[in-house]
Protein backbone atom coordinates (compact mmCIF):
# COMPACT_ATOMS: atom_id res chain seq x y z
CA MET A 1 10.44 2.50 34.41
CA HIS A 2 10.06 4.43 31.24
CA LEU A 3 7.88 7.42 30.54
CA LEU A 4 7.29 8.17 26.89
CA GLN A 5 5.48 11.16 25.51
CA ALA A 6 4.17 11.51 22.00
CA ILE A 7 4.68 15.23 21.45
CA PRO A 8 4.20 16.58 17.93
CA GLN A 9 7.35 18.29 16.75
CA ARG A 10 7.61 21.44 14.66
CA PHE A 11 10.53 22.13 12.42
CA ASN A 12 11.69 25.57 11.28
CA LYS A 13 12.29 26.06 7.57
CA HIS A 14 15.92 26.73 6.71
CA ASN A 15 15.35 28.39 3.38
CA ARG A 16 15.44 32.17 3.73
CA LEU A 17 13.77 34.51 1.28
CA PHE A 18 14.87 38.01 0.34
CA ILE A 19 12.07 40.36 1.22
CA THR A 20 11.63 44.09 1.23
CA ILE A 21 12.21 46.32 4.23
CA ALA A 22 8.47 46.87 4.50
CA ALA A 23 7.82 43.17 4.59
CA ILE A 24 10.47 42.77 7.26
CA ALA A 25 8.78 45.43 9.36
CA LEU A 26 5.46 43.65 8.99
CA LEU A 27 7.09 40.37 9.90
CA PHE A 28 8.55 41.75 13.13
CA ALA A 29 5.28 43.40 14.01
CA ASN A 30 3.12 40.31 13.69
CA TYR A 31 5.20 37.15 13.42
CA LEU A 32 8.03 37.30 15.92
CA THR A 33 9.43 33.96 16.99
CA PRO A 34 7.83 32.34 20.06
CA SER A 35 10.89 32.99 22.21
CA LEU A 36 10.49 36.73 21.68
CA ASN A 37 6.74 37.23 21.34
CA ALA A 38 4.64 36.68 24.47
CA ALA A 39 1.48 36.58 22.37
CA SER A 40 2.66 33.69 20.21
CA PRO A 41 0.48 30.56 20.07
CA LEU A 42 1.14 27.98 22.80
CA PRO A 43 2.88 24.74 21.84
CA ILE A 44 0.60 21.95 20.68
CA LYS A 45 -0.46 19.83 23.64
CA PRO A 46 0.04 16.06 23.54
CA PRO A 47 -3.04 13.88 23.09
CA HIS A 48 -4.90 12.15 25.90
CA TYR A 49 -4.83 8.35 25.72
CA ARG A 50 -7.67 6.05 26.81
CA GLY A 51 -7.59 3.12 24.37
CA LEU A 52 -5.05 0.41 25.20
CA ILE A 53 -4.49 -3.24 24.30
CA ALA A 54 -1.52 -5.62 24.19
CA THR A 55 -1.47 -8.58 21.81
CA PRO A 56 0.13 -12.04 22.13
CA ASP A 57 2.92 -11.10 19.72
CA HIS A 58 4.07 -8.35 22.14
CA THR A 59 2.52 -5.46 20.25
CA LEU A 60 0.96 -2.53 22.07
CA TRP A 61 -1.79 -0.44 20.49
CA ILE A 62 -2.79 2.92 22.03
CA SER A 63 -5.48 5.38 20.93
CA GLY A 64 -6.65 8.79 22.01
CA THR A 65 -7.56 12.34 21.08
CA LYS A 66 -6.50 14.24 17.95
CA GLY A 67 -6.93 11.10 15.86
CA THR A 68 -3.89 9.57 17.55
CA ILE A 69 -3.13 5.87 17.23
CA LEU A 70 0.22 4.40 18.29
CA ARG A 71 1.65 0.96 17.60
CA GLY A 72 4.46 -0.18 19.88
CA LYS A 73 6.70 -3.25 19.93
CA PHE A 74 8.44 -4.53 23.05
CA VAL A 75 12.21 -4.62 22.65
CA ASP A 76 12.73 -6.29 26.03
CA SER A 77 10.58 -7.26 29.00
CA PHE A 78 9.39 -3.72 29.73
CA THR A 79 10.69 -1.32 27.05
CA PHE A 80 8.92 -0.70 23.77
CA ARG A 81 9.27 1.52 20.75
CA TYR A 82 6.28 2.83 18.92
CA ASP A 83 5.22 4.44 15.67
CA THR A 84 2.46 7.00 15.17
CA CYS A 85 -0.15 5.77 12.71
CA LYS A 86 -1.78 8.28 10.38
CA THR A 87 -5.52 7.94 9.77
CA GLN A 88 -8.06 9.78 7.68
CA TYR A 89 -9.60 11.24 10.86
CA PRO A 90 -7.03 13.57 12.46
CA THR A 91 -9.54 15.22 14.81
CA LYS A 92 -11.40 12.17 16.12
CA ASP A 93 -11.24 11.01 19.73
CA PHE A 94 -10.47 7.29 19.52
CA ARG A 95 -11.50 6.21 23.02
CA ASP A 96 -11.04 2.48 22.51
CA ILE A 97 -8.98 0.14 20.37
CA TRP A 98 -8.93 -3.61 19.83
CA ALA A 99 -6.19 -5.63 18.14
CA ILE A 100 -5.20 -9.21 17.46
CA ASP A 101 -1.55 -8.78 16.45
CA GLN A 102 0.99 -6.31 15.07
CA HIS A 103 -0.88 -6.09 11.77
CA THR A 104 -4.58 -5.94 12.63
CA ALA A 105 -6.31 -3.39 14.85
CA ILE A 106 -9.69 -1.66 15.08
CA ALA A 107 -10.19 1.80 16.58
CA MET A 108 -13.48 3.35 17.70
CA SER A 109 -14.28 7.05 17.97
CA ILE A 110 -16.92 8.21 20.40
CA SER A 111 -19.14 10.88 18.84
CA ASP A 112 -19.47 13.78 16.40
CA SER A 113 -20.23 11.18 13.71
CA ALA A 114 -18.91 7.98 15.24
CA VAL A 115 -16.55 5.89 13.14
CA ILE A 116 -14.86 2.52 13.42
CA ILE A 117 -11.70 2.01 11.39
CA LYS A 118 -9.60 -1.09 10.75
CA THR A 119 -6.03 -1.72 9.64
CA THR A 120 -4.53 -5.00 8.45
CA ASP A 121 -1.10 -3.65 7.54
CA GLY A 122 0.21 -2.43 10.87
CA GLY A 123 -1.42 1.01 10.72
CA ASN A 124 -0.11 2.10 7.33
CA SER A 125 -3.65 2.36 6.00
CA TRP A 126 -7.09 2.35 7.62
CA LYS A 127 -10.47 1.39 6.21
CA THR A 128 -13.68 2.87 7.56
CA VAL A 129 -15.85 -0.13 8.46
CA TYR A 130 -18.62 1.80 10.24
CA HIS A 131 -19.82 5.39 10.13
CA ASP A 132 -22.85 6.87 11.91
CA GLU A 133 -23.87 10.53 11.86
CA THR A 134 -26.99 10.12 14.02
CA PRO A 135 -27.23 13.19 16.29
CA GLY A 136 -26.31 12.34 19.87
CA ILE A 137 -24.51 9.09 19.11
CA PHE A 138 -21.78 8.21 21.62
CA LEU A 139 -19.90 4.90 21.47
CA ASP A 140 -18.19 3.67 24.65
CA VAL A 141 -16.46 0.32 24.22
CA ILE A 142 -15.43 -2.26 21.64
CA GLU A 143 -14.62 -5.91 22.38
CA ILE A 144 -14.02 -8.85 19.99
CA ASP A 145 -13.24 -12.45 20.86
CA PRO A 146 -9.89 -13.15 19.13
CA LYS A 147 -10.78 -16.84 18.71
CA THR A 148 -14.19 -16.55 17.06
CA GLY A 149 -14.19 -13.04 15.56
CA VAL A 150 -17.52 -12.30 17.26
CA GLY A 151 -17.65 -8.94 19.01
CA ILE A 152 -19.74 -6.01 20.13
CA VAL A 153 -19.71 -2.23 20.37
CA LEU A 154 -21.83 -0.65 23.10
CA GLY A 155 -22.88 2.98 23.25
CA ASP A 156 -25.01 5.39 25.26
CA PRO A 157 -28.82 5.43 24.98
CA LEU A 158 -30.05 6.87 21.71
CA SER A 159 -33.52 7.52 20.29
CA GLN A 160 -34.59 7.74 16.67
CA ASN A 161 -36.47 10.94 17.46
CA GLN A 162 -37.35 13.05 20.47
CA GLN A 163 -40.60 11.18 21.08
CA SER A 164 -39.34 7.57 20.88
CA GLN A 165 -37.93 5.40 23.67
CA LYS A 166 -34.17 5.52 24.09
CA HIS A 167 -32.15 2.32 23.69
CA PHE A 168 -28.50 1.49 24.20
CA LYS A 169 -26.68 1.72 20.88
CA ALA A 170 -25.20 -1.70 20.07
CA LEU A 171 -23.36 -3.21 17.10
CA LEU A 172 -22.34 -6.79 16.36
CA THR A 173 -19.49 -8.17 14.26
CA THR A 174 -19.00 -11.79 13.24
CA ASP A 175 -15.93 -11.31 11.06
CA PHE A 176 -13.28 -9.73 13.29
CA GLY A 177 -14.65 -6.23 12.72
CA ASN A 178 -14.68 -6.18 8.93
CA SER A 179 -18.37 -5.31 9.07
CA TRP A 180 -20.81 -4.21 11.77
CA ILE A 181 -24.52 -4.94 12.15
CA ASN A 182 -26.94 -2.79 14.13
CA ILE A 183 -28.33 -4.90 16.96
CA PRO A 184 -32.08 -4.23 16.98
CA ASP A 185 -33.69 -2.46 19.91
CA ALA A 186 -35.12 -4.82 22.51
CA GLU A 187 -36.14 -4.89 26.14
CA TRP A 188 -32.57 -5.48 27.32
CA SER A 189 -31.38 -2.25 25.71
CA ILE A 190 -33.86 0.05 27.50
CA PRO A 191 -32.06 2.08 30.22
CA LEU A 192 -33.15 1.27 33.76
CA ASP A 193 -33.42 4.96 34.66
CA THR A 194 -32.98 8.42 33.18
CA LEU A 195 -29.26 8.52 33.97
CA GLU A 196 -28.13 5.05 32.95
CA SER A 197 -25.37 5.21 30.36
CA PHE A 198 -21.77 4.06 30.02
CA PHE A 199 -18.35 5.65 30.33
CA ALA A 200 -15.74 5.74 27.58
CA ALA A 201 -12.94 6.42 30.04
CA SER A 202 -10.79 3.35 29.38
CA GLY A 203 -12.67 0.99 27.09
CA THR A 204 -13.28 -1.41 29.97
CA SER A 205 -16.98 -1.03 30.78
CA LEU A 206 -17.81 -4.34 29.05
CA SER A 207 -16.29 -7.83 29.10
CA ILE A 208 -16.88 -10.76 26.76
CA ILE A 209 -17.51 -13.84 28.88
CA LEU A 210 -18.18 -16.40 26.14
CA SER A 211 -18.64 -16.47 22.37
CA LYS A 212 -19.41 -19.17 19.81
CA ALA A 213 -19.32 -19.12 16.04
CA ASN A 214 -20.23 -21.56 13.30
CA HIS A 215 -19.25 -19.57 10.25
CA ARG A 216 -20.37 -22.24 7.80
CA LYS A 217 -23.91 -22.29 9.19
CA GLN A 218 -23.78 -18.60 10.14
CA GLN A 219 -24.74 -19.24 13.74
CA TYR A 220 -23.30 -16.94 16.38
CA ALA A 221 -23.65 -16.48 20.14
CA LEU A 222 -22.17 -13.94 22.51
CA THR A 223 -22.38 -13.54 26.30
CA VAL A 224 -21.27 -10.20 27.75
CA GLY A 225 -21.27 -8.42 31.09
CA PHE A 226 -21.38 -4.63 31.27
CA ALA A 227 -22.00 -1.77 33.67
CA GLY A 228 -21.98 2.01 33.77
CA GLY A 229 -23.68 4.85 35.58
CA GLY A 230 -27.20 5.65 36.67
CA LEU A 231 -29.23 6.40 39.76
CA ASN A 232 -28.34 2.92 41.08
CA PRO A 233 -25.53 1.44 38.92
CA GLN A 234 -26.38 -2.11 37.83
CA PHE A 235 -24.46 -5.05 36.38
CA HIS A 236 -25.99 -6.42 33.17
CA LEU A 237 -25.49 -9.96 31.88
CA LEU A 238 -26.69 -10.52 28.32
CA GLN A 239 -26.71 -13.44 25.89
CA ILE A 240 -27.11 -12.64 22.19
CA GLY A 241 -27.93 -15.23 19.54
CA TYR A 242 -27.67 -14.33 15.87
CA THR A 243 -28.56 -16.52 12.89
CA PRO A 244 -29.28 -14.40 9.80
CA LYS A 245 -31.87 -15.72 7.37
CA LYS A 246 -30.89 -15.91 3.72
CA SER A 247 -32.72 -14.18 0.93
CA ALA A 248 -33.59 -15.76 -2.39
CA ALA A 249 -30.17 -14.59 -3.59
CA GLN A 250 -28.58 -16.44 -0.61
CA GLU A 251 -27.50 -13.16 0.99
CA PRO A 252 -27.80 -12.84 4.81
CA GLN A 253 -30.72 -10.62 5.84
CA THR A 254 -29.46 -8.87 8.96
CA ASP A 255 -32.55 -6.75 9.61
CA GLN A 256 -34.99 -9.58 10.26
CA PRO A 257 -36.14 -9.72 13.91
CA SER A 258 -36.30 -13.51 13.71
CA ALA A 259 -32.52 -13.58 13.21
CA TRP A 260 -31.97 -12.39 16.80
CA LYS A 261 -32.46 -13.97 20.21
CA PHE A 262 -31.79 -12.15 23.47
CA LYS A 263 -31.62 -13.53 26.98
CA SER A 264 -31.03 -10.93 29.66
CA LEU A 265 -30.59 -12.12 33.23
CA PRO A 266 -31.88 -9.96 36.07
CA THR A 267 -29.60 -6.98 36.66
CA LEU A 268 -27.67 -6.84 39.91
CA PRO A 269 -26.97 -3.75 42.06
CA MET A 270 -23.25 -3.06 42.35
CA THR A 271 -23.33 -1.02 45.61
CA LEU A 272 -21.63 1.83 43.70
CA LYS A 273 -22.59 5.46 44.28
CA GLY A 274 -25.08 6.65 41.69
CA GLY A 275 -25.99 10.01 40.22
CA PRO A 276 -24.73 12.22 37.37
CA ALA A 277 -21.21 11.07 36.35
CA TRP A 278 -21.11 8.47 39.17
CA GLY A 279 -20.86 4.74 38.62
CA CYS A 280 -18.71 1.99 37.13
CA TYR A 281 -15.95 3.20 34.81
CA GLY A 282 -13.88 0.00 34.61
CA LEU A 283 -15.00 -3.65 34.67
CA SER A 284 -13.11 -6.93 34.47
CA ILE A 285 -14.67 -10.40 34.36
CA HIS A 286 -12.25 -13.27 34.87
CA LYS A 287 -12.55 -17.03 35.30
CA TYR A 288 -16.08 -16.67 33.86
CA GLN A 289 -17.73 -15.83 37.18
CA HIS A 290 -15.45 -13.45 39.10
CA GLY A 291 -15.78 -9.71 38.63
CA ILE A 292 -14.05 -6.48 39.65
CA ALA A 293 -15.57 -3.03 39.14
CA VAL A 294 -14.04 0.38 39.80
CA GLY A 295 -15.28 3.91 39.28
CA GLY A 296 -16.48 6.92 41.20
CA ASN A 297 -16.69 10.32 39.57
CA TYR A 298 -13.93 11.97 37.53
CA ALA A 299 -14.93 15.33 39.00
CA SER A 300 -14.30 14.02 42.56
CA PRO A 301 -10.94 12.30 42.14
CA ASP A 302 -10.24 11.89 45.88
CA PHE A 303 -13.64 10.53 46.93
CA ARG A 304 -13.32 6.97 48.29
CA GLY A 305 -16.93 6.19 49.12
CA ASP A 306 -19.32 6.78 52.01
CA SER A 307 -22.80 5.80 53.14
CA SER A 308 -24.20 6.98 49.79
CA GLY A 309 -22.23 4.38 47.86
CA ALA A 310 -18.88 2.85 47.02
CA ILE A 311 -16.36 3.47 44.23
CA ALA A 312 -15.31 -0.18 43.83
CA ALA A 313 -16.97 -3.57 44.05
CA CYS A 314 -16.19 -7.23 43.47
CA SER A 315 -17.98 -10.52 43.01
CA ASN A 316 -17.12 -14.19 43.34
CA ASP A 317 -20.30 -15.05 41.43
CA ILE A 318 -21.49 -12.48 38.91
CA LEU A 319 -24.80 -14.32 38.58
CA ASN A 320 -25.78 -13.62 42.15
CA GLN A 321 -24.15 -10.75 44.03
CA TRP A 322 -21.72 -7.85 44.02
CA GLN A 323 -20.31 -6.37 47.19
CA ALA A 324 -18.51 -3.12 47.92
CA ALA A 325 -14.75 -3.32 48.29
CA LYS A 326 -13.83 -3.51 51.97
CA THR A 327 -10.85 -1.22 51.42
CA PRO A 328 -11.52 1.01 48.39
CA PRO A 329 -8.95 2.44 45.98
CA ASN A 330 -7.52 5.83 46.86
CA GLY A 331 -9.92 7.75 44.67
CA TYR A 332 -11.69 7.72 41.32
CA ARG A 333 -10.49 4.89 39.07
CA SER A 334 -11.27 4.49 35.37
CA GLY A 335 -9.20 1.48 34.32
CA VAL A 336 -8.80 -2.02 35.75
CA CYS A 337 -6.79 -5.08 34.73
CA ILE A 338 -5.59 -8.41 36.12
CA SER A 339 -2.14 -9.96 35.99
CA GLN A 340 -1.20 -13.44 34.97
CA ALA A 341 -1.09 -16.01 37.77
CA TYR A 342 2.06 -16.26 39.90
CA SER A 343 2.97 -18.61 42.72
CA LYS A 344 1.97 -17.06 46.01
CA GLU A 345 5.52 -17.61 47.30
CA TYR A 346 6.87 -15.43 44.49
CA ILE A 347 4.38 -12.63 45.17
CA PHE A 348 4.93 -12.76 48.93
CA ASN A 349 8.72 -12.74 48.66
CA LEU A 350 8.63 -9.92 46.12
CA PHE A 351 6.38 -7.56 48.08
CA PHE A 352 6.90 -8.58 51.74
CA ARG A 353 10.32 -10.29 51.62
CA ASP A 354 10.22 -12.13 54.96
CA ILE A 355 7.61 -14.02 56.94
CA GLN A 356 8.45 -11.87 59.99
CA ASN A 357 7.71 -8.61 58.20
CA HIS A 358 4.61 -6.68 59.16
CA CYS A 359 2.92 -4.18 56.80
CA ASN A 360 0.56 -1.92 58.69
CA THR A 361 -1.46 -0.82 55.66
CA PHE A 362 -1.95 -4.44 54.58
CA TYR A 363 -2.95 -5.44 58.12
CA THR A 364 -5.38 -2.54 58.43
CA ALA A 365 -6.98 -3.34 55.07
CA VAL A 366 -7.10 -7.14 55.10
CA GLY A 367 -7.24 -7.72 58.85
CA GLU A 368 -4.33 -10.12 59.07
CA LEU A 369 -0.57 -10.24 58.59
CA PRO A 370 0.70 -10.75 55.04
CA SER A 371 2.20 -14.12 56.00
CA ASP A 372 -1.09 -15.30 57.49
CA TYR A 373 -3.09 -14.27 54.43
CA PHE A 374 -0.71 -15.80 51.90
CA PHE A 375 0.02 -19.07 53.68
CA LYS A 376 -2.98 -19.72 55.94
CA THR A 377 -6.04 -17.99 54.48
CA HIS A 378 -5.19 -18.29 50.80
CA HIS A 379 -4.99 -22.02 50.06
CA ALA A 380 -4.41 -21.95 46.31
CA LYS A 381 -0.85 -22.29 45.04
CA PHE A 382 -1.21 -19.45 42.56
CA LEU A 383 -2.83 -16.02 42.65
CA THR A 384 -3.33 -13.05 40.39
CA MET A 385 -2.95 -9.37 41.19
CA ALA A 386 -5.52 -6.77 40.22
CA PHE A 387 -4.65 -3.18 39.33
CA CYS A 388 -6.77 -0.08 38.91
CA THR A 389 -5.72 3.38 37.83
CA GLY A 390 -7.17 6.88 37.68
CA THR A 391 -6.23 10.51 37.58
CA ASN A 392 -4.77 10.60 41.12
CA GLY A 393 -2.94 7.28 41.30
CA THR A 394 -2.78 3.51 40.86
CA ASP A 395 -3.70 0.74 43.30
CA ILE A 396 -3.07 -2.99 43.69
CA SER A 397 -5.19 -5.79 45.16
CA PHE A 398 -3.98 -9.25 46.19
CA ASP A 399 -7.47 -10.61 46.92
CA GLY A 400 -9.59 -10.06 43.82
CA GLY A 401 -10.59 -6.47 44.45
CA LYS A 402 -11.80 -6.82 48.06
CA ASN A 403 -8.98 -4.66 49.41
CA TRP A 404 -6.93 -2.09 47.51
CA LEU A 405 -3.53 -0.71 48.52
CA ALA A 406 -1.69 2.21 46.95
CA LEU A 407 0.93 1.32 44.36
CA SER A 408 1.71 4.75 42.93
CA GLN A 409 0.60 8.34 43.48
CA GLU A 410 1.64 9.47 40.02
CA ARG A 411 -1.28 11.33 38.51
CA GLY A 412 -2.86 11.51 35.11
CA PHE A 413 -3.50 7.93 33.98
CA ASN A 414 -6.75 6.65 32.46
CA ALA A 415 -6.29 3.04 31.39
CA CYS A 416 -4.14 0.03 32.20
CA THR A 417 -3.36 -3.45 30.92
CA TRP A 418 -1.08 -6.31 31.91
CA HIS A 419 1.32 -7.95 29.49
CA ASN A 420 4.68 -9.67 29.53
CA ASN A 421 5.11 -9.41 33.34
CA THR A 422 4.49 -5.67 33.08
CA LEU A 423 1.80 -3.21 34.09
CA ILE A 424 1.21 -0.68 31.31
CA LEU A 425 -0.47 2.66 31.97
CA VAL A 426 -1.60 5.38 29.56
CA GLY A 427 -3.23 8.71 30.26
CA ASN A 428 -3.44 12.43 29.75
CA GLN A 429 -0.83 14.65 28.13
CA GLY A 430 0.67 11.75 26.20
CA LYS A 431 1.60 9.74 29.31
CA ILE A 432 2.72 6.14 28.78
CA LYS A 433 4.38 4.17 31.54
CA THR A 434 5.54 0.60 32.05
CA ILE A 435 6.11 -0.96 35.47
CA PRO A 436 7.73 -4.42 35.40
CA VAL A 437 6.62 -6.74 38.17
CA SER A 438 10.21 -6.81 39.42
CA ASP A 439 10.04 -3.03 40.07
CA MET A 440 6.68 -3.03 41.82
CA ALA A 441 7.99 -3.98 45.24
CA ASN A 442 9.97 -0.75 45.61
CA LEU A 443 6.96 1.35 44.60
CA PHE A 444 4.66 -0.60 46.88
CA GLN A 445 6.97 -0.40 49.90
CA GLN A 446 7.37 3.36 49.56
CA LEU A 447 3.65 3.75 50.24
CA ASN A 448 3.23 0.61 52.35
CA PRO A 449 6.36 0.39 54.57
CA LEU A 450 7.43 -2.94 55.99
CA ASP A 451 8.01 -3.21 59.75
CA PRO A 452 10.22 -6.14 60.81
CA THR A 453 9.94 -5.33 64.52
CA ARG A 454 6.41 -6.66 65.11
């Protein structure tokens, strides 16, 4: 396991100047070195990371506060080296980042004049592809289908003026983020209540389920699922069709209402606790119809749910129903991800070692012995693991988010992703951590001891 911290370094100048005695006195009075002067400025704090993505060519892109963007390359199965990319926005908070390979990435800042920037040369230079200074704008998540180049940015509700109806801010790209089109306001983008908005805690509040593109005919379609907060947090499923009409000069006219088609399916309650800052912070849709949602409230990191609502939910059919996790994570969780599929024999042997072993926390959560679940209840040959992380720890689920067990109590993480047989975590104070699947058993067993005597 490797913990890397991107801490800005300061270097003292070695050239010394001859100055007068008076200047020396002034220097000692006001500019003593930090080791001698208790009133000296504190060291610069590392940035907080929330944007995270791994690409098929084993590149890791990370984004965060203070305009920070990192590009890392794996040097073996779980170790990577990274470079800090300089941008023209050193004070922006880049809450989310999307990338297709080691060369091309797109970063999104949240507010205070929201910007989207793109690099095609590995972070050496960045082009501003979207800039919006509308007061109150707050972007939450960016997702692009790497096969079609069709993608979306979703943001909090925004009104053109104080009297007009608020609508979710939404942008569409059809060219891998080179340009962005304002998606017009429609019925689907009206918040369901006065609190409904989204969370830019990990860039995982929206998932692309399906996209289609005919670039020659300029016909595009996108299906997305998303969720956030509100009085009663809801899951949204939206289909967007976009076919721009051409002007007399054969230029696409993006502002014509007839170019857009929206189909919004009925929203579904997620059983998550609602209210200010409560709701879904992380969402993952997999196999087109299965979903996992995690959240809570960042201000109540140890809350695990009660009669007022849950902090995690799952669904085997996102068109019909979500249900609260039977065994919730061990507190507020902002990021969620899913591993590649492994044979159930490999997972069982790695985590539980022997068919005779009993794990009390697993039994209490799932209601059966590990061997019974893996080899009697679970009939498929392969299974995936789900992970969620938050400021007080990280959890693992072997059954699609129905039951969560503690994996680590290390604090301070915001987002996670799975790549190259490795769980990758990023968080506050410059925290970056990799946990190879081969190392997970030891972590898991420290918090979930095995008992061979049962």
